[in-house]
Amino acid sequence: MPYINLQITKGATREQKAQIVMEFTETLVKVLGKKPEHTHIVIQEMDEENWGFAGVLTDDYRKSHG
């Protein structure tokens, strides 16, 4: 039973999330031969202030890099 936990910053549309679920599932079917009905994908959306990289919070990084 494959399980994917994807964490992204908020902002993806429902349609984009549906596409992610579809394409990740298709990849596991093609590459690993997994059954779609056994594949679970969880998308967790994080506020930009709760995500950091390069030593700064994402919201601060985006403010300074337009």
C-alpha atoms as a PDB file:
ATOM      1  CA  MET A   1       0.000   0.000   0.000  1.00  0.00           C
ATOM      2  CA  PRO A   2       1.871   3.104  -1.184  1.00  0.00           C
ATOM      3  CA  TYR A   3       1.412   6.226   0.884  1.00  0.00           C
ATOM      4  CA  ILE A   4       2.616   9.638  -0.271  1.00  0.00           C
ATOM      5  CA  ASN A   5       2.579  12.655   2.040  1.00  0.00           C
ATOM      6  CA  LEU A   6       3.081  15.838   0.028  1.00  0.00           C
ATOM      7  CA  GLN A   7       3.606  19.105   1.855  1.00  0.00           C
ATOM      8  CA  ILE A   8       3.231  22.346  -0.089  1.00  0.00           C
ATOM      9  CA  THR A   9       2.644  25.980   0.754  1.00  0.00           C
ATOM     10  CA  LYS A  10      -0.970  27.096   0.426  1.00  0.00           C
ATOM     11  CA  GLY A  11      -2.260  28.267  -2.907  1.00  0.00           C
ATOM     12  CA  ALA A  12      -2.867  25.222  -5.092  1.00  0.00           C
ATOM     13  CA  THR A  13      -6.337  24.994  -6.602  1.00  0.00           C
ATOM     14  CA  ARG A  14      -8.570  21.958  -6.177  1.00  0.00           C
ATOM     15  CA  GLU A  15      -7.978  21.150  -9.856  1.00  0.00           C
ATOM     16  CA  GLN A  16      -4.201  21.247  -9.374  1.00  0.00           C
ATOM     17  CA  LYS A  17      -4.456  18.951  -6.360  1.00  0.00           C
ATOM     18  CA  ALA A  18      -6.639  16.533  -8.319  1.00  0.00           C
ATOM     19  CA  GLN A  19      -4.023  16.496 -11.090  1.00  0.00           C
ATOM     20  CA  ILE A  20      -1.252  15.811  -8.571  1.00  0.00           C
ATOM     21  CA  VAL A  21      -3.179  12.874  -7.104  1.00  0.00           C
ATOM     22  CA  MET A  22      -3.903  11.482 -10.575  1.00  0.00           C
ATOM     23  CA  GLU A  23      -0.330  11.837 -11.853  1.00  0.00           C
ATOM     24  CA  PHE A  24       1.354  10.525  -8.691  1.00  0.00           C
ATOM     25  CA  THR A  25      -0.974   7.528  -8.779  1.00  0.00           C
ATOM     26  CA  GLU A  26      -0.230   6.917 -12.475  1.00  0.00           C
ATOM     27  CA  THR A  27       3.508   7.053 -11.746  1.00  0.00           C
ATOM     28  CA  LEU A  28       3.249   4.424  -9.004  1.00  0.00           C
ATOM     29  CA  VAL A  29       1.192   2.214 -11.322  1.00  0.00           C
ATOM     30  CA  LYS A  30       3.701   2.572 -14.196  1.00  0.00           C
ATOM     31  CA  VAL A  31       6.946   2.404 -12.257  1.00  0.00           C
ATOM     32  CA  LEU A  32       6.124   0.030  -9.405  1.00  0.00           C
ATOM     33  CA  GLY A  33       3.063  -1.817 -10.714  1.00  0.00           C
ATOM     34  CA  LYS A  34       0.940  -0.676  -7.768  1.00  0.00           C
ATOM     35  CA  LYS A  35      -2.848  -0.792  -7.830  1.00  0.00           C
ATOM     36  CA  PRO A  36      -4.513   2.637  -7.875  1.00  0.00           C
ATOM     37  CA  GLU A  37      -7.083   1.534  -5.305  1.00  0.00           C
ATOM     38  CA  HIS A  38      -4.257   0.781  -2.849  1.00  0.00           C
ATOM     39  CA  THR A  39      -2.485   4.110  -3.343  1.00  0.00           C
ATOM     40  CA  HIS A  40      -3.019   6.873  -0.788  1.00  0.00           C
ATOM     41  CA  ILE A  41      -1.893  10.461  -1.280  1.00  0.00           C
ATOM     42  CA  VAL A  42      -2.230  13.159   1.383  1.00  0.00           C
ATOM     43  CA  ILE A  43      -1.659  16.802   0.507  1.00  0.00           C
ATOM     44  CA  GLN A  44      -0.868  19.036   3.460  1.00  0.00           C
ATOM     45  CA  GLU A  45      -0.946  22.754   2.853  1.00  0.00           C
ATOM     46  CA  MET A  46       1.251  24.913   5.040  1.00  0.00           C
ATOM     47  CA  ASP A  47       1.120  28.651   5.633  1.00  0.00           C
ATOM     48  CA  GLU A  48       4.216  30.297   4.167  1.00  0.00           C
ATOM     49  CA  GLU A  49       5.143  31.572   7.628  1.00  0.00           C
ATOM     50  CA  ASN A  50       5.400  27.934   8.772  1.00  0.00           C
ATOM     51  CA  TRP A  51       7.890  26.945   6.072  1.00  0.00           C
ATOM     52  CA  GLY A  52      11.469  28.087   5.842  1.00  0.00           C
ATOM     53  CA  PHE A  53      14.467  27.573   3.591  1.00  0.00           C
ATOM     54  CA  ALA A  54      17.755  29.317   2.901  1.00  0.00           C
ATOM     55  CA  GLY A  55      17.649  30.590   6.477  1.00  0.00           C
ATOM     56  CA  VAL A  56      14.388  32.545   6.211  1.00  0.00           C
ATOM     57  CA  LEU A  57      10.648  31.975   6.317  1.00  0.00           C
ATOM     58  CA  THR A  58       9.046  31.490   2.922  1.00  0.00           C
ATOM     59  CA  ASP A  59       6.811  34.551   3.205  1.00  0.00           C
ATOM     60  CA  ASP A  60       9.843  36.752   3.941  1.00  0.00           C
ATOM     61  CA  TYR A  61      11.794  35.187   1.074  1.00  0.00           C
ATOM     62  CA  ARG A  62       8.956  35.837  -1.395  1.00  0.00           C
ATOM     63  CA  LYS A  63       8.628  39.456  -0.218  1.00  0.00           C
ATOM     64  CA  SER A  64      12.309  40.102  -0.909  1.00  0.00           C
ATOM     65  CA  HIS A  65      12.461  38.185  -4.206  1.00  0.00           C
ATOM     66  CA  GLY A  66       9.194  39.424  -5.727  1.00  0.00           C
END
